[in-house]
Amino acid sequence: MEPYTSVELTRLLDYPNETGPRLAVRRYLRATYLEHVKNAPRELSEPEAADVLGVA
C-alpha cells in the first residue's frame, strides 16, 4: 500500500478541509514520531496511519 500523508489521514477521519483538524493530526504525529525531520514531507506507513486513526 502507498504511504499516507497527514492530509489524507484528516480526510479519513472525516474532518472538513480546514487547517484546525489537519493541525491536530500533525501535532499528534510530531509528538508521537520524534525521529521525523522538521519541515520534511511526512509519509506514514500503514501501521503508523492506523495508529493515528486509532485502530492499531
PDB file of N, CA and C in Angstrom:
ATOM      1  N   MET A   1       0.834  -1.181   0.000  1.00  0.00           N
ATOM      2  CA  MET A   1       0.000   0.000   0.000  1.00  0.00           C
ATOM      3  C   MET A   1       0.882   1.249   0.000  1.00  0.00           C
ATOM      4  N   GLU A   2       0.407   2.300  -0.617  1.00  0.00           N
ATOM      5  CA  GLU A   2       1.156   3.556  -0.684  1.00  0.00           C
ATOM      6  C   GLU A   2       1.177   4.238   0.681  1.00  0.00           C
ATOM      7  N   PRO A   3       2.181   5.068   0.922  1.00  0.00           N
ATOM      8  CA  PRO A   3       2.233   5.804   2.190  1.00  0.00           C
ATOM      9  C   PRO A   3       1.103   6.824   2.287  1.00  0.00           C
ATOM     10  N   TYR A   4       0.751   7.165   3.519  1.00  0.00           N
ATOM     11  CA  TYR A   4      -0.294   8.144   3.790  1.00  0.00           C
ATOM     12  C   TYR A   4       0.335   9.485   4.156  1.00  0.00           C
ATOM     13  N   THR A   5      -0.382  10.578   3.875  1.00  0.00           N
ATOM     14  CA  THR A   5       0.040  11.911   4.303  1.00  0.00           C
ATOM     15  C   THR A   5      -0.923  12.394   5.383  1.00  0.00           C
ATOM     16  N   SER A   6      -0.545  13.455   6.098  1.00  0.00           N
ATOM     17  CA  SER A   6      -1.417  13.988   7.140  1.00  0.00           C
ATOM     18  C   SER A   6      -2.739  14.492   6.559  1.00  0.00           C
ATOM     19  N   VAL A   7      -2.719  15.015   5.350  1.00  0.00           N
ATOM     20  CA  VAL A   7      -3.947  15.488   4.710  1.00  0.00           C
ATOM     21  C   VAL A   7      -4.877  14.311   4.433  1.00  0.00           C
ATOM     22  N   GLU A   8      -4.333  13.208   3.938  1.00  0.00           N
ATOM     23  CA  GLU A   8      -5.153  12.018   3.678  1.00  0.00           C
ATOM     24  C   GLU A   8      -5.759  11.469   4.967  1.00  0.00           C
ATOM     25  N   LEU A   9      -4.960  11.469   6.038  1.00  0.00           N
ATOM     26  CA  LEU A   9      -5.475  10.980   7.315  1.00  0.00           C
ATOM     27  C   LEU A   9      -6.599  11.862   7.832  1.00  0.00           C
ATOM     28  N   THR A  10      -6.472  13.162   7.637  1.00  0.00           N
ATOM     29  CA  THR A  10      -7.536  14.083   8.045  1.00  0.00           C
ATOM     30  C   THR A  10      -8.815  13.764   7.296  1.00  0.00           C
ATOM     31  N   ARG A  11      -8.698  13.487   6.017  1.00  0.00           N
ATOM     32  CA  ARG A  11      -9.886  13.122   5.219  1.00  0.00           C
ATOM     33  C   ARG A  11     -10.479  11.800   5.701  1.00  0.00           C
ATOM     34  N   LEU A  12      -9.626  10.832   6.029  1.00  0.00           N
ATOM     35  CA  LEU A  12     -10.122   9.550   6.526  1.00  0.00           C
ATOM     36  C   LEU A  12     -10.835   9.695   7.865  1.00  0.00           C
ATOM     37  N   LEU A  13     -10.426  10.687   8.654  1.00  0.00           N
ATOM     38  CA  LEU A  13     -11.087  10.955   9.931  1.00  0.00           C
ATOM     39  C   LEU A  13     -12.372  11.740   9.735  1.00  0.00           C
ATOM     40  N   ASP A  14     -12.704  12.056   8.496  1.00  0.00           N
ATOM     41  CA  ASP A  14     -13.934  12.745   8.115  1.00  0.00           C
ATOM     42  C   ASP A  14     -13.998  14.169   8.658  1.00  0.00           C
ATOM     43  N   TYR A  15     -12.825  14.814   8.754  1.00  0.00           N
ATOM     44  CA  TYR A  15     -12.790  16.222   9.118  1.00  0.00           C
ATOM     45  C   TYR A  15     -12.993  17.040   7.850  1.00  0.00           C
ATOM     46  N   PRO A  16     -13.612  18.200   7.971  1.00  0.00           N
ATOM     47  CA  PRO A  16     -13.693  19.076   6.796  1.00  0.00           C
ATOM     48  C   PRO A  16     -12.299  19.567   6.433  1.00  0.00           C
ATOM     49  N   ASN A  17     -12.166  20.109   5.260  1.00  0.00           N
ATOM     50  CA  ASN A  17     -10.863  20.575   4.783  1.00  0.00           C
ATOM     51  C   ASN A  17     -10.538  21.922   5.435  1.00  0.00           C
ATOM     52  N   GLU A  18     -10.159  21.872   6.700  1.00  0.00           N
ATOM     53  CA  GLU A  18      -9.816  23.069   7.452  1.00  0.00           C
ATOM     54  C   GLU A  18      -8.430  22.888   8.052  1.00  0.00           C
ATOM     55  N   THR A  19      -7.813  23.989   8.408  1.00  0.00           N
ATOM     56  CA  THR A  19      -6.480  23.938   8.988  1.00  0.00           C
ATOM     57  C   THR A  19      -6.493  23.293  10.362  1.00  0.00           C
ATOM     58  N   GLY A  20      -7.480  23.577  11.191  1.00  0.00           N
ATOM     59  CA  GLY A  20      -7.525  23.089  12.566  1.00  0.00           C
ATOM     60  C   GLY A  20      -7.382  21.579  12.701  1.00  0.00           C
ATOM     61  N   PRO A  21      -8.233  20.786  12.062  1.00  0.00           N
ATOM     62  CA  PRO A  21      -8.094  19.327  12.165  1.00  0.00           C
ATOM     63  C   PRO A  21      -6.787  18.802  11.607  1.00  0.00           C
ATOM     64  N   ARG A  22      -6.324  19.367  10.497  1.00  0.00           N
ATOM     65  CA  ARG A  22      -5.031  18.925   9.942  1.00  0.00           C
ATOM     66  C   ARG A  22      -3.911  19.237  10.921  1.00  0.00           C
ATOM     67  N   LEU A  23      -4.019  20.390  11.573  1.00  0.00           N
ATOM     68  CA  LEU A  23      -3.015  20.767  12.562  1.00  0.00           C
ATOM     69  C   LEU A  23      -3.031  19.792  13.733  1.00  0.00           C
ATOM     70  N   ALA A  24      -4.212  19.364  14.149  1.00  0.00           N
ATOM     71  CA  ALA A  24      -4.313  18.395  15.245  1.00  0.00           C
ATOM     72  C   ALA A  24      -3.629  17.084  14.871  1.00  0.00           C
ATOM     73  N   VAL A  25      -3.822  16.621  13.644  1.00  0.00           N
ATOM     74  CA  VAL A  25      -3.171  15.392  13.180  1.00  0.00           C
ATOM     75  C   VAL A  25      -1.663  15.590  13.148  1.00  0.00           C
ATOM     76  N   ARG A  26      -1.208  16.705  12.618  1.00  0.00           N
ATOM     77  CA  ARG A  26       0.236  16.965  12.543  1.00  0.00           C
ATOM     78  C   ARG A  26       0.855  17.071  13.935  1.00  0.00           C
ATOM     79  N   ARG A  27       0.149  17.702  14.868  1.00  0.00           N
ATOM     80  CA  ARG A  27       0.677  17.802  16.240  1.00  0.00           C
ATOM     81  C   ARG A  27       0.820  16.424  16.867  1.00  0.00           C
ATOM     82  N   TYR A  28      -0.159  15.559  16.640  1.00  0.00           N
ATOM     83  CA  TYR A  28      -0.068  14.190  17.159  1.00  0.00           C
ATOM     84  C   TYR A  28       1.137  13.482  16.553  1.00  0.00           C
ATOM     85  N   LEU A  29       1.314  13.622  15.259  1.00  0.00           N
ATOM     86  CA  LEU A  29       2.441  12.974  14.586  1.00  0.00           C
ATOM     87  C   LEU A  29       3.771  13.493  15.124  1.00  0.00           C
ATOM     88  N   ARG A  30       3.865  14.803  15.325  1.00  0.00           N
ATOM     89  CA  ARG A  30       5.111  15.379  15.847  1.00  0.00           C
ATOM     90  C   ARG A  30       5.414  14.862  17.248  1.00  0.00           C
ATOM     91  N   ALA A  31       4.382  14.731  18.075  1.00  0.00           N
ATOM     92  CA  ALA A  31       4.582  14.280  19.454  1.00  0.00           C
ATOM     93  C   ALA A  31       4.886  12.787  19.525  1.00  0.00           C
ATOM     94  N   THR A  32       4.360  12.017  18.596  1.00  0.00           N
ATOM     95  CA  THR A  32       4.491  10.566  18.635  1.00  0.00           C
ATOM     96  C   THR A  32       5.717  10.058  17.891  1.00  0.00           C
ATOM     97  N   TYR A  33       6.030  10.653  16.758  1.00  0.00           N
ATOM     98  CA  TYR A  33       7.124  10.185  15.912  1.00  0.00           C
ATOM     99  C   TYR A  33       8.226  11.232  15.894  1.00  0.00           C
ATOM    100  N   LEU A  34       9.030  11.224  16.940  1.00  0.00           N
ATOM    101  CA  LEU A  34      10.043  12.257  17.153  1.00  0.00           C
ATOM    102  C   LEU A  34      11.198  12.193  16.164  1.00  0.00           C
ATOM    103  N   GLU A  35      11.383  11.060  15.498  1.00  0.00           N
ATOM    104  CA  GLU A  35      12.521  10.901  14.592  1.00  0.00           C
ATOM    105  C   GLU A  35      12.333  11.621  13.259  1.00  0.00           C
ATOM    106  N   HIS A  36      11.133  12.128  12.996  1.00  0.00           N
ATOM    107  CA  HIS A  36      10.863  12.808  11.731  1.00  0.00           C
ATOM    108  C   HIS A  36      11.610  14.137  11.660  1.00  0.00           C
ATOM    109  N   VAL A  37      12.203  14.433  10.506  1.00  0.00           N
ATOM    110  CA  VAL A  37      12.943  15.671  10.302  1.00  0.00           C
ATOM    111  C   VAL A  37      11.944  16.822  10.127  1.00  0.00           C
ATOM    112  N   LYS A  38      12.149  17.880  10.894  1.00  0.00           N
ATOM    113  CA  LYS A  38      11.239  19.022  10.856  1.00  0.00           C
ATOM    114  C   LYS A  38      11.151  19.612   9.450  1.00  0.00           C
ATOM    115  N   ASN A  39       9.931  19.928   9.032  1.00  0.00           N
ATOM    116  CA  ASN A  39       9.601  20.542   7.740  1.00  0.00           C
ATOM    117  C   ASN A  39       9.815  19.627   6.539  1.00  0.00           C
ATOM    118  N   ALA A  40      10.149  18.392   6.763  1.00  0.00           N
ATOM    119  CA  ALA A  40      10.272  17.434   5.657  1.00  0.00           C
ATOM    120  C   ALA A  40       8.892  16.838   5.380  1.00  0.00           C
ATOM    121  N   PRO A  41       8.631  16.461   4.136  1.00  0.00           N
ATOM    122  CA  PRO A  41       7.345  15.815   3.843  1.00  0.00           C
ATOM    123  C   PRO A  41       7.186  14.565   4.700  1.00  0.00           C
ATOM    124  N   ARG A  42       5.968  14.339   5.155  1.00  0.00           N
ATOM    125  CA  ARG A  42       5.719  13.197   6.032  1.00  0.00           C
ATOM    126  C   ARG A  42       4.874  12.174   5.282  1.00  0.00           C
ATOM    127  N   GLU A  43       5.392  10.967   5.186  1.00  0.00           N
ATOM    128  CA  GLU A  43       4.658   9.857   4.593  1.00  0.00           C
ATOM    129  C   GLU A  43       4.637   8.742   5.622  1.00  0.00           C
ATOM    130  N   LEU A  44       3.449   8.317   5.991  1.00  0.00           N
ATOM    131  CA  LEU A  44       3.303   7.310   7.035  1.00  0.00           C
ATOM    132  C   LEU A  44       3.025   5.940   6.442  1.00  0.00           C
ATOM    133  N   SER A  45       3.593   4.947   7.080  1.00  0.00           N
ATOM    134  CA  SER A  45       3.328   3.568   6.681  1.00  0.00           C
ATOM    135  C   SER A  45       1.913   3.204   7.137  1.00  0.00           C
ATOM    136  N   GLU A  46       1.450   2.063   6.706  1.00  0.00           N
ATOM    137  CA  GLU A  46       0.109   1.614   7.097  1.00  0.00           C
ATOM    138  C   GLU A  46      -0.029   1.466   8.620  1.00  0.00           C
ATOM    139  N   PRO A  47       0.941   0.875   9.339  1.00  0.00           N
ATOM    140  CA  PRO A  47       0.824   0.791  10.801  1.00  0.00           C
ATOM    141  C   PRO A  47       0.813   2.163  11.479  1.00  0.00           C
ATOM    142  N   GLU A  48       1.618   3.102  10.985  1.00  0.00           N
ATOM    143  CA  GLU A  48       1.616   4.451  11.542  1.00  0.00           C
ATOM    144  C   GLU A  48       0.280   5.149  11.298  1.00  0.00           C
ATOM    145  N   ALA A  49      -0.256   4.992  10.108  1.00  0.00           N
ATOM    146  CA  ALA A  49      -1.559   5.581   9.798  1.00  0.00           C
ATOM    147  C   ALA A  49      -2.649   4.973  10.672  1.00  0.00           C
ATOM    148  N   ALA A  50      -2.582   3.661  10.900  1.00  0.00           N
ATOM    149  CA  ALA A  50      -3.563   3.003  11.775  1.00  0.00           C
ATOM    150  C   ALA A  50      -3.469   3.552  13.192  1.00  0.00           C
ATOM    151  N   ASP A  51      -2.255   3.846  13.641  1.00  0.00           N
ATOM    152  CA  ASP A  51      -2.072   4.435  14.964  1.00  0.00           C
ATOM    153  C   ASP A  51      -2.778   5.778  15.049  1.00  0.00           C
ATOM    154  N   VAL A  52      -2.598   6.622  14.046  1.00  0.00           N
ATOM    155  CA  VAL A  52      -3.228   7.928  14.033  1.00  0.00           C
ATOM    156  C   VAL A  52      -4.759   7.788  13.981  1.00  0.00           C
ATOM    157  N   LEU A  53      -5.225   6.828  13.240  1.00  0.00           N
ATOM    158  CA  LEU A  53      -6.669   6.628  13.100  1.00  0.00           C
ATOM    159  C   LEU A  53      -7.284   5.900  14.291  1.00  0.00           C
ATOM    160  N   GLY A  54      -6.437   5.399  15.189  1.00  0.00           N
ATOM    161  CA  GLY A  54      -6.933   4.761  16.395  1.00  0.00           C
ATOM    162  C   GLY A  54      -7.369   3.326  16.235  1.00  0.00           C
ATOM    163  N   VAL A  55      -6.830   2.651  15.228  1.00  0.00           N
ATOM    164  CA  VAL A  55      -7.219   1.261  15.003  1.00  0.00           C
ATOM    165  C   VAL A  55      -6.047   0.316  15.182  1.00  0.00           C
ATOM    166  N   ALA A  56      -4.982   0.812  15.737  1.00  0.00           N
ATOM    167  CA  ALA A  56      -3.794  -0.046  15.918  1.00  0.00           C
ATOM    168  C   ALA A  56      -4.011  -1.013  17.069  1.00  0.00           C
TER     169      ALA A  56
END
